[in-house]
N, C-alpha and C. Protein backbone atom coordinates (compact mmCIF):
# COMPACT_ATOMS: atom_id res chain seq x y z
N UNK A 1 0.85 -0.75 0.08
CA UNK A 1 0.26 -0.28 -0.19
C UNK A 1 0.98 0.91 0.08
N UNK A 2 2.11 1.09 0.69
CA UNK A 2 2.93 2.40 0.87
C UNK A 2 3.33 2.32 -1.00
N UNK A 3 3.50 1.65 -1.20
CA UNK A 3 4.34 1.86 -2.95
C UNK A 3 3.48 2.35 -3.47
N UNK A 4 2.28 1.81 -3.42
CA UNK A 4 0.97 2.46 -4.36
C UNK A 4 0.72 4.28 -3.71
N UNK A 5 0.49 4.28 -2.87
CA UNK A 5 0.82 5.54 -1.99
C UNK A 5 2.02 6.41 -3.03
N UNK A 6 3.12 5.86 -2.93
CA UNK A 6 4.29 6.74 -3.28
C UNK A 6 4.66 6.70 -5.36
N UNK A 7 2.97 6.31 -5.65
CA UNK A 7 3.39 6.30 -7.31
C UNK A 7 3.77 4.98 -8.16
N UNK A 8 4.04 4.00 -6.92
CA UNK A 8 4.65 3.11 -7.74
C UNK A 8 3.44 2.42 -8.66
N UNK A 9 4.09 1.73 -10.09
CA UNK A 9 2.76 1.38 -10.84
C UNK A 9 2.45 0.04 -10.11
N UNK A 10 1.33 -0.31 -10.54
CA UNK A 10 0.28 -1.37 -10.35
C UNK A 10 1.40 -2.84 -10.19
N UNK A 11 1.69 -2.88 -11.39
CA UNK A 11 2.63 -4.02 -11.75
C UNK A 11 3.50 -4.52 -10.35
N UNK A 12 4.76 -2.83 -10.50
CA UNK A 12 5.46 -3.11 -9.38
C UNK A 12 5.18 -3.35 -7.76
N UNK A 13 4.06 -3.00 -7.29
CA UNK A 13 3.82 -3.38 -6.41
C UNK A 13 3.21 -4.57 -6.20
N UNK A 14 2.45 -5.01 -7.21
CA UNK A 14 1.98 -6.37 -6.77
C UNK A 14 3.05 -7.77 -7.00
N UNK A 15 4.20 -7.16 -8.35
CA UNK A 15 5.74 -7.98 -8.11
C UNK A 15 6.09 -7.82 -6.80
N UNK A 16 6.40 -6.91 -5.83
CA UNK A 16 6.44 -6.63 -4.56
C UNK A 16 5.81 -7.91 -3.55
N UNK A 17 4.49 -7.65 -3.48
CA UNK A 17 3.30 -8.04 -3.19
C UNK A 17 4.03 -9.47 -3.26
N UNK A 18 3.92 -10.13 -4.58
CA UNK A 18 3.81 -11.83 -4.52
C UNK A 18 5.63 -11.97 -4.37
N UNK A 19 6.19 -11.40 -4.83
CA UNK A 19 7.99 -11.63 -4.85
C UNK A 19 8.14 -12.00 -3.16
N UNK A 20 7.82 -10.94 -2.28
CA UNK A 20 8.59 -10.99 -1.26
C UNK A 20 8.22 -12.06 -0.26
N UNK A 21 6.56 -12.88 -0.47
CA UNK A 21 7.18 -14.25 0.35
C UNK A 21 7.62 -15.75 -0.50
N UNK A 22 7.08 -15.51 -1.84
CA UNK A 22 7.33 -16.87 -2.76
C UNK A 22 8.89 -16.49 -3.15
N UNK A 23 9.70 -15.59 -3.33
CA UNK A 23 10.74 -15.77 -3.63
C UNK A 23 12.24 -15.34 -2.68
N UNK A 24 11.63 -15.19 -0.84
CA UNK A 24 12.19 -14.77 -0.08
C UNK A 24 13.82 -15.79 -0.14
N UNK A 25 14.68 -15.51 -0.10
CA UNK A 25 15.96 -16.28 -0.06
C UNK A 25 16.17 -17.03 1.45
N UNK A 26 16.15 -16.17 2.44
CA UNK A 26 15.92 -17.23 3.00
C UNK A 26 15.31 -18.79 3.51
N UNK A 27 13.73 -18.39 2.73
CA UNK A 27 12.97 -19.56 2.72
C UNK A 27 13.43 -20.22 2.01
N UNK A 28 14.04 -20.32 0.63
CA UNK A 28 14.36 -20.88 -0.07
C UNK A 28 15.46 -21.69 0.35
N UNK A 29 16.40 -21.02 0.79
CA UNK A 29 17.61 -21.79 1.62
C UNK A 29 16.94 -23.22 2.51
N UNK A 30 15.84 -22.44 3.33
CA UNK A 30 15.14 -23.59 4.31
C UNK A 30 14.21 -24.62 3.77
N UNK A 31 13.69 -24.06 2.36
CA UNK A 31 12.96 -25.18 1.91
C UNK A 31 14.44 -26.64 1.02
N UNK A 32 15.25 -25.89 0.22
CA UNK A 32 16.64 -26.83 0.22
C UNK A 32 17.25 -27.79 1.69
N UNK A 33 17.16 -27.49 2.38
CA UNK A 33 17.52 -27.86 3.93
C UNK A 33 16.71 -28.95 4.41
N UNK A 34 15.26 -28.57 4.18
CA UNK A 34 14.19 -29.50 4.60
C UNK A 34 13.54 -30.26 3.79
N UNK A 35 13.36 -29.80 2.43
CA UNK A 35 12.78 -30.86 1.45
C UNK A 35 13.30 -31.29 0.35
N UNK A 36 14.40 -30.44 0.04
CA UNK A 36 15.62 -30.74 -0.86
C UNK A 36 15.80 -30.01 -1.70
N UNK A 37 16.92 -29.53 -2.69
CA UNK A 37 16.91 -29.08 -3.74
C UNK A 37 16.21 -29.07 -4.89
N UNK A 38 15.21 -29.98 -5.19
CA UNK A 38 14.22 -30.02 -5.94
C UNK A 38 12.93 -29.13 -5.93
N UNK A 39 12.55 -29.22 -4.93
CA UNK A 39 11.45 -28.74 -4.59
C UNK A 39 12.04 -27.29 -4.54
N UNK A 40 12.96 -26.54 -3.85
CA UNK A 40 13.53 -25.22 -3.97
C UNK A 40 13.63 -24.55 -5.28
N UNK A 41 14.01 -25.71 -6.44
CA UNK A 41 13.99 -25.23 -7.51
C UNK A 41 12.33 -25.06 -8.30
N UNK A 42 11.77 -25.98 -8.18
CA UNK A 42 10.49 -25.35 -8.52
C UNK A 42 9.97 -24.24 -7.68
N UNK A 43 10.22 -24.28 -6.69
CA UNK A 43 9.59 -22.72 -6.24
C UNK A 43 10.29 -21.76 -6.84
N UNK A 44 11.35 -22.13 -6.86
CA UNK A 44 11.93 -20.95 -7.57
C UNK A 44 11.47 -20.07 -8.78
N UNK A 45 11.29 -21.32 -10.18
CA UNK A 45 11.49 -21.19 -11.54
C UNK A 45 9.75 -20.63 -11.36
N UNK A 46 9.05 -21.53 -10.87
CA UNK A 46 7.65 -21.30 -11.08
C UNK A 46 7.25 -19.63 -9.91
N UNK A 47 8.35 -19.36 -8.98
CA UNK A 47 7.66 -18.29 -8.59
C UNK A 47 8.33 -16.89 -9.30
N UNK A 48 9.35 -17.48 -10.08
CA UNK A 48 9.47 -16.39 -10.94
C UNK A 48 8.47 -15.99 -11.94
N UNK A 49 8.17 -17.23 -12.88
CA UNK A 49 7.45 -17.24 -13.46
C UNK A 49 6.03 -16.24 -13.34
N UNK A 50 5.61 -16.54 -11.96
CA UNK A 50 4.07 -16.15 -11.32
C UNK A 50 4.43 -14.30 -10.97
N UNK A 51 5.38 -14.22 -10.82
CA UNK A 51 5.77 -12.73 -10.28
C UNK A 51 5.91 -11.86 -11.66
N UNK A 52 6.79 -12.42 -12.07
CA UNK A 52 6.84 -11.47 -13.74
C UNK A 52 5.66 -11.39 -14.51
N UNK A 53 5.09 -12.83 -14.59
CA UNK A 53 4.24 -12.92 -15.08
C UNK A 53 2.83 -11.94 -14.81
N UNK A 54 2.71 -12.03 -13.64
CA UNK A 54 1.37 -11.51 -12.89
C UNK A 54 1.52 -9.90 -13.00
N UNK A 55 2.92 -9.76 -13.04
CA UNK A 55 3.07 -8.22 -12.97
C UNK A 55 3.02 -7.80 -14.30
N UNK A 56 3.23 -8.36 -15.30
CA UNK A 56 3.27 -7.73 -16.33
C UNK A 56 1.70 -7.56 -16.74
N UNK A 57 1.36 -8.41 -16.71
CA UNK A 57 -0.30 -8.91 -16.98
C UNK A 57 -1.10 -7.28 -15.84
N UNK A 58 -0.61 -7.41 -14.85
CA UNK A 58 -1.39 -6.41 -13.98
C UNK A 58 -1.08 -4.81 -14.81
N UNK A 59 -0.15 -5.03 -15.19
CA UNK A 59 0.41 -3.31 -15.64
C UNK A 59 -0.49 -3.02 -17.36
N UNK A 60 -0.86 -4.39 -17.79
CA UNK A 60 -1.42 -4.18 -18.83
C UNK A 60 -3.47 -4.06 -19.08
N UNK A 61 -3.56 -3.80 -17.63
CA UNK A 61 -5.17 -4.33 -17.18
C UNK A 61 -5.48 -2.74 -16.83
N UNK A 62 -4.38 -1.99 -16.26
CA UNK A 62 -4.96 -0.60 -15.48
C UNK A 62 -3.63 0.26 -15.79
N UNK A 63 -4.28 1.48 -15.88
CA UNK A 63 -3.54 2.35 -16.32
C UNK A 63 -2.34 2.95 -15.24
N UNK A 64 -1.40 3.47 -15.48
CA UNK A 64 -0.35 3.80 -14.58
C UNK A 64 -0.42 4.65 -13.20
N UNK A 65 -1.40 5.24 -13.15
CA UNK A 65 -1.96 6.45 -12.15
C UNK A 65 -2.21 5.41 -10.89
N UNK A 66 -1.94 6.27 -9.70
CA UNK A 66 -2.50 6.07 -8.58
C UNK A 66 -3.53 5.86 -8.45
N UNK A 67 -4.39 4.69 -7.67
CA UNK A 67 -5.76 4.52 -7.63
C UNK A 67 -5.75 4.39 -6.35
N UNK A 68 -4.97 4.58 -5.16
CA UNK A 68 -5.42 4.01 -3.95
C UNK A 68 -6.43 5.26 -2.83
N UNK A 69 -7.23 3.90 -2.46
CA UNK A 69 -8.70 4.95 -1.98
C UNK A 69 -8.36 5.32 -0.46
N UNK A 70 -7.65 6.01 -0.30
CA UNK A 70 -7.39 6.12 1.45
C UNK A 70 -8.14 6.35 2.39
N UNK A 71 -9.91 6.89 1.54
CA UNK A 71 -10.89 7.30 2.24
C UNK A 71 -10.73 8.66 3.28
N UNK A 72 -11.03 8.36 4.38
CA UNK A 72 -10.44 9.45 5.13
C UNK A 72 -9.45 9.49 6.03
N UNK A 73 -8.23 8.70 6.07
CA UNK A 73 -7.44 8.69 6.55
C UNK A 73 -6.63 9.96 6.39
N UNK A 74 -6.10 10.28 7.88
CA UNK A 74 -5.04 11.63 8.54
C UNK A 74 -4.25 11.42 7.77
N UNK A 75 -3.44 12.68 7.00
CA UNK A 75 -2.52 12.97 6.27
C UNK A 75 -1.68 13.48 7.05
N UNK A 76 -0.72 12.55 7.16
CA UNK A 76 0.88 13.01 8.00
C UNK A 76 1.49 14.33 7.92
N UNK A 77 1.71 15.09 8.19
CA UNK A 77 2.81 16.40 7.71
C UNK A 77 4.04 16.10 7.95
N UNK A 78 5.11 16.02 7.31
CA UNK A 78 6.85 15.61 7.75
C UNK A 78 7.23 17.08 8.25
N UNK A 79 6.45 17.98 7.96
CA UNK A 79 6.85 19.37 8.60
C UNK A 79 6.47 19.81 9.83
N UNK A 80 5.84 18.86 10.60
CA UNK A 80 5.40 18.81 11.81
C UNK A 80 6.68 18.47 12.95
N UNK A 81 6.54 18.77 13.90
CA UNK A 81 7.35 18.13 14.85
C UNK A 81 7.10 18.21 16.22
N UNK A 82 7.62 17.31 16.93
CA UNK A 82 7.10 16.86 18.30
C UNK A 82 5.89 16.03 18.59
N UNK A 83 5.00 16.61 19.61
CA UNK A 83 3.84 16.29 20.24
C UNK A 83 2.85 16.48 18.72
N UNK A 84 3.25 17.21 17.83
CA UNK A 84 2.02 17.36 16.96
C UNK A 84 2.06 16.27 15.54
N UNK A 85 3.50 15.85 15.17
CA UNK A 85 3.71 14.89 14.23
C UNK A 85 3.59 13.64 15.23
N UNK A 86 3.22 13.30 16.41
CA UNK A 86 3.02 12.26 17.39
C UNK A 86 1.79 11.95 17.04
N UNK A 87 1.13 12.96 17.30
CA UNK A 87 -0.81 13.12 17.22
C UNK A 87 -1.40 12.34 15.85
N UNK A 88 -0.06 12.59 14.70
CA UNK A 88 -0.71 12.84 13.43
C UNK A 88 -0.55 11.10 13.46
N UNK A 89 0.67 10.81 13.94
CA UNK A 89 1.13 9.23 13.67
C UNK A 89 0.47 8.55 14.42
N UNK A 90 -0.79 8.86 15.77
CA UNK A 90 -1.30 7.89 16.22
C UNK A 90 -2.67 8.25 15.92
N UNK A 91 -3.05 9.25 15.07
CA UNK A 91 -4.25 9.46 14.53
C UNK A 91 -4.54 8.25 13.28
N UNK A 92 -3.29 8.01 12.50
CA UNK A 92 -3.31 7.43 11.53
C UNK A 92 -2.80 6.07 11.73
N UNK A 93 -2.55 5.75 12.90
CA UNK A 93 -2.40 4.55 13.16
C UNK A 93 -3.56 3.91 13.87
N UNK A 94 -4.58 4.32 14.39
CA UNK A 94 -6.09 4.21 14.92
C UNK A 94 -6.96 3.93 13.49
N UNK A 95 -6.76 4.41 12.66
CA UNK A 95 -7.23 4.44 11.35
C UNK A 95 -6.94 3.23 10.31
N UNK A 96 -5.92 2.85 10.50
CA UNK A 96 -5.19 1.47 10.32
C UNK A 96 -5.50 0.61 11.13
N UNK A 97 -6.10 0.64 12.18
CA UNK A 97 -6.43 -0.70 13.18
C UNK A 97 -7.74 -0.43 12.86
N UNK A 98 -9.23 0.17 12.64
CA UNK A 98 -10.29 0.46 12.91
C UNK A 98 -10.53 0.12 11.16
N UNK A 99 -10.11 0.27 10.57
CA UNK A 99 -10.36 -0.21 9.14
C UNK A 99 -9.85 -1.33 8.39
N UNK A 100 -8.74 -1.71 9.12
CA UNK A 100 -7.82 -2.99 8.97
C UNK A 100 -8.33 -4.61 9.43
N UNK A 101 -7.99 -4.16 11.04
CA UNK A 101 -7.54 -5.09 11.60
C UNK A 101 -9.27 -5.90 11.76
N UNK A 102 -10.11 -5.67 12.36
CA UNK A 102 -11.06 -5.96 12.56
C UNK A 102 -11.88 -7.03 11.36
N UNK A 103 -11.47 -7.01 10.33
CA UNK A 103 -12.20 -7.66 8.60
C UNK A 103 -10.89 -8.41 8.96
N UNK A 104 -9.76 -8.12 9.23
CA UNK A 104 -8.44 -9.07 9.00
C UNK A 104 -8.61 -10.34 10.28
N UNK A 105 -8.95 -9.94 11.43
CA UNK A 105 -9.04 -11.15 12.52
C UNK A 105 -10.40 -11.78 12.09
N UNK A 106 -11.38 -11.27 11.47
CA UNK A 106 -12.77 -12.32 11.76
C UNK A 106 -12.07 -13.27 10.59
N UNK A 107 -11.51 -12.73 9.16
CA UNK A 107 -11.00 -13.61 8.18
C UNK A 107 -10.03 -14.62 8.31
N UNK A 108 -9.28 -14.18 9.28
CA UNK A 108 -8.04 -15.38 9.88
C UNK A 108 -8.97 -16.34 10.77
N UNK A 109 -9.78 -15.65 11.57
CA UNK A 109 -10.61 -16.89 12.56
C UNK A 109 -11.14 -17.82 11.65
N UNK A 110 -11.99 -17.40 10.58
CA UNK A 110 -12.71 -18.05 10.02
C UNK A 110 -11.70 -19.26 9.40
N UNK A 111 -10.66 -18.80 8.47
CA UNK A 111 -9.73 -19.71 8.23
C UNK A 111 -8.98 -20.62 8.77
N UNK A 112 -8.96 -20.25 10.28
CA UNK A 112 -8.35 -21.07 10.94
C UNK A 112 -9.28 -22.32 11.44
N UNK A 113 -10.34 -22.20 11.89
CA UNK A 113 -11.00 -22.73 12.36
C UNK A 113 -11.49 -24.21 10.79
N UNK A 114 -11.29 -23.33 9.53
CA UNK A 114 -11.53 -24.64 8.38
C UNK A 114 -9.93 -25.18 8.31
N UNK A 115 -9.18 -24.80 8.67
CA UNK A 115 -7.68 -25.29 8.60
C UNK A 115 -7.21 -26.36 9.52
N UNK A 116 -8.36 -26.79 10.15
CA UNK A 116 -7.91 -27.44 11.60
C UNK A 116 -8.69 -28.82 10.87
N UNK A 117 -9.43 -28.49 9.87
CA UNK A 117 -9.84 -29.98 9.27
C UNK A 117 -9.13 -30.09 7.90
N UNK A 118 -9.36 -29.07 7.26
CA UNK A 118 -9.04 -29.17 5.97
C UNK A 118 -7.42 -29.76 6.15
N UNK A 119 -6.63 -29.17 6.76
CA UNK A 119 -5.41 -29.68 6.80
C UNK A 119 -4.89 -30.94 7.96
N UNK A 120 -5.86 -31.74 8.11
CA UNK A 120 -5.85 -32.91 9.24
C UNK A 120 -5.12 -33.62 8.28
N UNK A 121 -4.18 -34.22 8.69
CA UNK A 121 -3.06 -35.40 8.02
C UNK A 121 -4.13 -36.59 7.51
N UNK A 122 -5.47 -37.24 9.03
CA UNK A 122 -5.90 -38.19 7.94
C UNK A 122 -6.81 -37.60 6.95
N UNK A 123 -6.81 -36.39 6.38
CA UNK A 123 -7.37 -36.19 5.28
C UNK A 123 -6.44 -36.31 4.02
N UNK A 124 -5.55 -36.16 4.06
CA UNK A 124 -4.01 -36.35 3.29
C UNK A 124 -4.25 -37.07 1.93
N UNK A 125 -4.56 -36.65 1.06
CA UNK A 125 -4.48 -37.38 -0.24
C UNK A 125 -2.85 -38.05 -0.68
N UNK A 126 -2.91 -38.93 -1.08
CA UNK A 126 -1.57 -39.30 -1.40
C UNK A 126 -0.95 -39.12 -3.23
N UNK A 127 -2.99 -39.03 -3.83
CA UNK A 127 -2.44 -39.13 -4.84
C UNK A 127 -2.05 -37.79 -5.77
N UNK A 128 -1.70 -37.48 -6.59
CA UNK A 128 -1.90 -36.30 -7.85
C UNK A 128 -2.31 -35.74 -8.41
N UNK A 129 -3.69 -36.30 -8.54
CA UNK A 129 -4.47 -35.60 -10.12
C UNK A 129 -4.99 -34.32 -9.76
N UNK A 130 -5.50 -34.42 -10.96
CA UNK A 130 -5.83 -32.95 -11.55
C UNK A 130 -6.58 -32.36 -10.55
N UNK A 131 -7.71 -32.62 -9.90
CA UNK A 131 -8.82 -32.70 -9.29
C UNK A 131 -8.39 -32.31 -7.77
N UNK A 132 -7.06 -33.13 -7.42
CA UNK A 132 -6.61 -32.65 -6.26
C UNK A 132 -5.33 -31.80 -6.01
N UNK A 133 -4.81 -31.51 -7.02
CA UNK A 133 -3.98 -30.33 -7.83
C UNK A 133 -4.86 -28.87 -7.37
N UNK A 134 -6.20 -28.88 -8.18
CA UNK A 134 -7.00 -27.77 -8.39
C UNK A 134 -7.57 -27.84 -6.93
N UNK A 135 -8.06 -28.01 -6.05
CA UNK A 135 -8.46 -28.13 -4.64
C UNK A 135 -7.36 -27.61 -3.92
N UNK A 136 -6.02 -28.47 -3.87
CA UNK A 136 -5.06 -27.76 -2.99
C UNK A 136 -4.34 -26.27 -3.83
N UNK A 137 -4.92 -26.25 -5.15
CA UNK A 137 -4.15 -25.00 -5.75
C UNK A 137 -4.88 -23.88 -4.57
N UNK A 138 -6.28 -24.23 -4.70
CA UNK A 138 -7.54 -22.86 -4.06
C UNK A 138 -6.97 -23.16 -2.34
N UNK A 139 -7.21 -24.08 -1.88
CA UNK A 139 -7.01 -24.15 -0.52
C UNK A 139 -5.36 -23.50 -0.04
N UNK A 140 -4.81 -23.72 -1.09
CA UNK A 140 -3.35 -22.67 -0.60
C UNK A 140 -3.59 -21.55 -0.75
N UNK A 141 -3.82 -20.98 -1.75
CA UNK A 141 -4.39 -19.75 -1.95
C UNK A 141 -5.11 -19.07 -0.66
N UNK A 142 -5.86 -19.69 -0.43
CA UNK A 142 -6.74 -18.78 0.54
C UNK A 142 -6.02 -18.99 1.81
N UNK A 143 -5.51 -19.74 2.71
CA UNK A 143 -5.26 -19.36 3.65
C UNK A 143 -3.58 -18.88 4.45
N UNK A 144 -3.99 -17.91 5.22
CA UNK A 144 -2.74 -17.10 5.71
C UNK A 144 -1.47 -18.10 6.35
N UNK A 145 -0.30 -17.77 6.32
CA UNK A 145 0.68 -18.87 7.04
C UNK A 145 1.54 -17.27 7.63
N UNK A 146 2.27 -17.99 8.55
CA UNK A 146 4.10 -16.83 8.79
C UNK A 146 4.53 -17.68 7.76
N UNK A 147 5.51 -16.31 7.75
CA UNK A 147 6.52 -16.39 6.87
C UNK A 147 7.06 -18.22 7.01
N UNK A 148 7.76 -18.80 6.15
CA UNK A 148 8.30 -20.25 5.69
C UNK A 148 7.20 -21.12 6.37
N UNK A 149 6.23 -20.83 6.87
CA UNK A 149 5.02 -21.69 7.63
C UNK A 149 4.91 -22.85 6.49
N UNK A 150 5.01 -22.17 5.11
CA UNK A 150 4.30 -24.08 4.39
C UNK A 150 5.51 -25.17 4.34
N UNK A 151 6.95 -24.63 4.96
CA UNK A 151 7.78 -25.75 4.70
C UNK A 151 7.41 -27.00 5.76
N UNK A 152 7.38 -26.64 6.79
CA UNK A 152 6.75 -27.50 8.17
C UNK A 152 5.47 -28.02 7.74
N UNK A 153 4.47 -27.38 7.05
CA UNK A 153 3.35 -27.90 6.49
C UNK A 153 3.59 -29.10 5.81
N UNK A 154 3.76 -28.59 4.56
CA UNK A 154 4.27 -29.60 3.50
C UNK A 154 5.11 -30.76 4.26
N UNK A 155 6.01 -30.63 4.72
CA UNK A 155 6.96 -31.55 5.33
C UNK A 155 5.95 -32.69 6.14
N UNK A 156 5.24 -32.28 7.41
CA UNK A 156 4.24 -32.71 7.99
C UNK A 156 3.77 -33.54 7.25
N UNK A 157 2.83 -32.76 6.06
CA UNK A 157 1.61 -33.67 5.37
C UNK A 157 2.61 -34.75 4.59
N UNK A 158 3.79 -34.40 4.34
CA UNK A 158 4.06 -35.70 3.30
C UNK A 158 4.89 -36.74 4.02
N UNK A 159 4.75 -36.84 5.44
CA UNK A 159 5.28 -37.58 6.02
C UNK A 159 4.18 -38.48 6.21
N UNK A 160 2.89 -37.83 6.18
CA UNK A 160 1.54 -38.54 6.16
C UNK A 160 1.17 -39.35 4.82
N UNK A 161 1.64 -39.04 4.13
CA UNK A 161 1.67 -39.28 2.38
C UNK A 161 1.06 -38.52 1.38
N UNK A 162 1.22 -37.35 1.62
CA UNK A 162 0.97 -36.41 0.74
C UNK A 162 1.93 -36.62 -0.44
N UNK A 163 1.39 -36.93 -1.25
CA UNK A 163 2.41 -36.98 -2.90
C UNK A 163 3.19 -35.67 -3.06
N UNK A 164 4.32 -35.79 -3.69
CA UNK A 164 4.86 -34.48 -4.48
C UNK A 164 4.24 -33.49 -5.21
N UNK A 165 3.65 -34.03 -6.00
CA UNK A 165 2.79 -33.18 -6.71
C UNK A 165 1.63 -32.09 -5.95
N UNK A 166 0.98 -32.69 -5.26
CA UNK A 166 0.12 -31.64 -4.23
C UNK A 166 1.23 -30.83 -3.35
N UNK A 167 2.16 -31.48 -2.54
CA UNK A 167 3.02 -30.70 -1.92
C UNK A 167 3.75 -29.63 -2.78
N UNK A 168 4.19 -29.96 -3.79
CA UNK A 168 4.60 -28.57 -4.30
C UNK A 168 3.61 -27.41 -4.54
N UNK A 169 2.62 -27.74 -5.08
CA UNK A 169 1.36 -26.99 -5.25
C UNK A 169 1.04 -26.38 -4.05
N UNK A 170 0.94 -27.03 -2.84
CA UNK A 170 1.09 -26.26 -1.42
C UNK A 170 2.26 -25.08 -1.49
N UNK A 171 3.52 -25.80 -1.64
CA UNK A 171 4.53 -25.00 -1.72
C UNK A 171 4.80 -23.54 -2.46
N UNK A 172 4.13 -23.44 -3.27
CA UNK A 172 4.10 -22.51 -4.32
C UNK A 172 2.81 -21.48 -3.51
N UNK A 173 1.81 -22.06 -3.07
CA UNK A 173 0.13 -21.16 -3.11
C UNK A 173 0.09 -20.58 -1.82
N UNK A 174 0.77 -21.42 -0.91
CA UNK A 174 0.74 -21.17 0.39
C UNK A 174 0.99 -19.89 1.03
N UNK A 175 2.48 -19.75 0.43
CA UNK A 175 3.37 -18.05 1.06
C UNK A 175 2.63 -17.18 -0.11
N UNK A 176 2.17 -17.55 -1.30
CA UNK A 176 2.18 -16.50 -1.89
C UNK A 176 0.89 -14.83 -2.14
N UNK A 177 0.00 -15.55 -1.43
CA UNK A 177 -1.08 -14.52 -1.23
C UNK A 177 -2.37 -15.15 -0.44
N UNK A 178 -3.13 -14.70 0.48
CA UNK A 178 -4.29 -15.32 0.99
C UNK A 178 -5.24 -14.58 1.04
N UNK A 179 -6.43 -14.44 1.84
CA UNK A 179 -7.71 -14.04 1.79
C UNK A 179 -7.54 -13.05 2.59
N UNK A 180 -6.83 -12.80 3.69
CA UNK A 180 -6.47 -11.56 4.87
C UNK A 180 -5.72 -10.48 3.59
N UNK A 181 -4.63 -11.24 2.98
CA UNK A 181 -4.00 -10.47 2.49
C UNK A 181 -4.77 -9.31 1.25
N UNK A 182 -5.53 -10.35 0.69
CA UNK A 182 -6.37 -8.98 -0.51
C UNK A 182 -7.61 -8.54 0.29
N UNK A 183 -7.79 -8.78 1.67
CA UNK A 183 -8.63 -8.02 2.24
C UNK A 183 -7.57 -6.74 2.76
N UNK A 184 -6.29 -7.04 3.23
CA UNK A 184 -5.79 -5.37 3.40
C UNK A 184 -5.78 -4.38 2.48
N UNK A 185 -5.18 -4.94 1.25
CA UNK A 185 -4.45 -4.39 0.00
C UNK A 185 -5.78 -3.75 -0.50
N UNK A 186 -6.88 -4.28 -0.77
CA UNK A 186 -7.99 -3.79 -1.48
C UNK A 186 -8.45 -2.81 -2.07
N UNK A 187 -7.62 -1.77 -1.23
CA UNK A 187 -7.85 -0.40 -1.61
C UNK A 187 -6.95 0.27 -2.17
N UNK A 188 -5.37 -0.52 -2.48
CA UNK A 188 -4.06 -0.87 -3.10
C UNK A 188 -4.83 -0.95 -4.39
N UNK A 189 -5.18 -1.75 -4.86
CA UNK A 189 -5.55 -2.23 -6.44
C UNK A 189 -6.98 -2.38 -6.52
N UNK A 190 -6.90 -2.35 -7.89
CA UNK A 190 -8.29 -2.60 -8.68
C UNK A 190 -9.00 -3.94 -8.47
N UNK A 191 -10.02 -4.12 -8.02
CA UNK A 191 -10.61 -5.34 -8.47
C UNK A 191 -9.95 -6.42 -9.27
N UNK A 192 -10.11 -6.00 -10.45
CA UNK A 192 -9.59 -6.97 -11.69
C UNK A 192 -8.23 -7.27 -11.19
N UNK A 193 -7.11 -6.35 -10.70
CA UNK A 193 -5.65 -6.74 -10.16
C UNK A 193 -5.76 -7.89 -9.07
N UNK A 194 -6.89 -8.00 -8.47
CA UNK A 194 -6.65 -8.96 -7.27
C UNK A 194 -7.39 -10.18 -7.73
N UNK A 195 -8.23 -10.26 -8.54
CA UNK A 195 -8.47 -11.61 -9.18
C UNK A 195 -7.88 -11.88 -10.09
N UNK A 196 -6.72 -11.17 -10.72
CA UNK A 196 -5.74 -11.69 -11.53
C UNK A 196 -4.71 -12.50 -10.55
N UNK A 197 -4.33 -11.57 -9.54
CA UNK A 197 -3.43 -12.38 -8.69
C UNK A 197 -3.64 -13.54 -8.04
N UNK A 198 -5.06 -13.66 -7.81
CA UNK A 198 -5.84 -14.64 -7.35
C UNK A 198 -5.70 -16.12 -8.05
N UNK A 199 -5.98 -15.46 -9.09
CA UNK A 199 -6.05 -16.80 -10.80
C UNK A 199 -4.53 -17.25 -10.29
N UNK A 200 -3.45 -16.10 -10.68
CA UNK A 200 -2.56 -16.32 -10.82
C UNK A 200 -1.84 -17.30 -10.30
N UNK A 201 -1.98 -17.23 -8.80
CA UNK A 201 -1.28 -18.12 -7.61
C UNK A 201 -1.54 -19.31 -7.96
N UNK A 202 -3.31 -19.59 -8.28
CA UNK A 202 -4.15 -20.78 -8.32
C UNK A 202 -3.31 -21.53 -9.55
N UNK A 203 -2.83 -21.04 -10.72
CA UNK A 203 -2.41 -21.17 -11.89
C UNK A 203 -1.36 -21.83 -11.66
N UNK A 204 -0.05 -20.97 -11.05
CA UNK A 204 1.22 -21.40 -10.51
C UNK A 204 1.18 -22.29 -9.52
N UNK A 205 0.34 -22.79 -8.98
CA UNK A 205 0.49 -23.77 -7.98
C UNK A 205 -0.08 -24.94 -8.71
N UNK A 206 -0.73 -25.01 -9.62
CA UNK A 206 -1.10 -25.97 -10.31
C UNK A 206 -0.16 -26.44 -11.23
N UNK A 207 0.53 -25.23 -12.05
CA UNK A 207 1.82 -25.86 -12.82
C UNK A 207 2.80 -26.82 -12.05
N UNK A 208 3.07 -26.13 -10.43
CA UNK A 208 4.26 -26.45 -10.25
C UNK A 208 3.75 -28.02 -9.61
N UNK A 209 2.38 -28.24 -9.44
CA UNK A 209 2.23 -29.69 -8.73
C UNK A 209 2.24 -30.73 -10.13
N UNK A 210 1.58 -30.27 -11.18
CA UNK A 210 1.83 -30.97 -12.61
C UNK A 210 3.23 -31.51 -12.88
N UNK A 211 4.03 -30.27 -13.01
CA UNK A 211 5.48 -30.50 -13.18
C UNK A 211 6.32 -31.86 -12.48
N UNK A 212 5.78 -31.18 -11.34
CA UNK A 212 6.39 -32.46 -10.39
C UNK A 212 5.85 -33.74 -10.50
N UNK A 213 4.49 -33.86 -10.24
CA UNK A 213 3.56 -34.98 -10.96
C UNK A 213 4.20 -36.14 -11.89
N UNK A 214 4.88 -35.49 -13.10
CA UNK A 214 4.96 -36.13 -14.38
C UNK A 214 6.58 -36.29 -14.21
N UNK A 215 7.43 -36.02 -13.55
CA UNK A 215 8.83 -36.20 -13.33
C UNK A 215 8.75 -37.65 -12.21
N UNK A 216 9.32 -38.67 -13.23
CA UNK A 216 9.62 -39.79 -12.12
C UNK A 216 10.25 -39.96 -10.72
N UNK A 217 9.91 -40.54 -9.92
CA UNK A 217 10.65 -40.73 -8.65
C UNK A 217 11.18 -39.35 -8.07
N UNK A 218 10.35 -38.23 -8.03
CA UNK A 218 10.42 -36.97 -7.73
C UNK A 218 10.30 -37.33 -6.13
């Protein structure tokens, strides 16, 4: 949102939004150590295609003008000093809280309740059929996780029989974007750009899963 307010293009801001979690070098190293270099390579290649492809398409969908809707957010005046600047900062912080946090927590709580059974080991599917990959791609795109949280999730599910294809799908989709993320940045992007990002992540996860599923002995 800050990039958009500073006149960054839609594509550039979207590239940052997607690239920050998907191409995080520390997480890539973590994946190599826990899941192996082949999973890391799939994440890197598909992740690069996702970020560059989505950013390029986003710039073609919308004009390059800034369209951030800040509603009635207080304006922080950098020329002010001392107590006046602190008051402005507190007003802006409060605006962020009451416009973002309540909805964020509701979405996270609902997704958390669903995740308790959607990611239960007993429901893990070892197969890698297309329908399974599509379902996991959508699920992985919806849920919010902490940085690198996808790695232990995938590792645990694989220990209960999750196939390599579905694992690759989750490895790409879980960190890339989530429903809470879309809610937070809804004022920074056009709806069609958010739909593009959501669809692109699902497609990237499906591609990753299909690629891995077709490689014997992966």
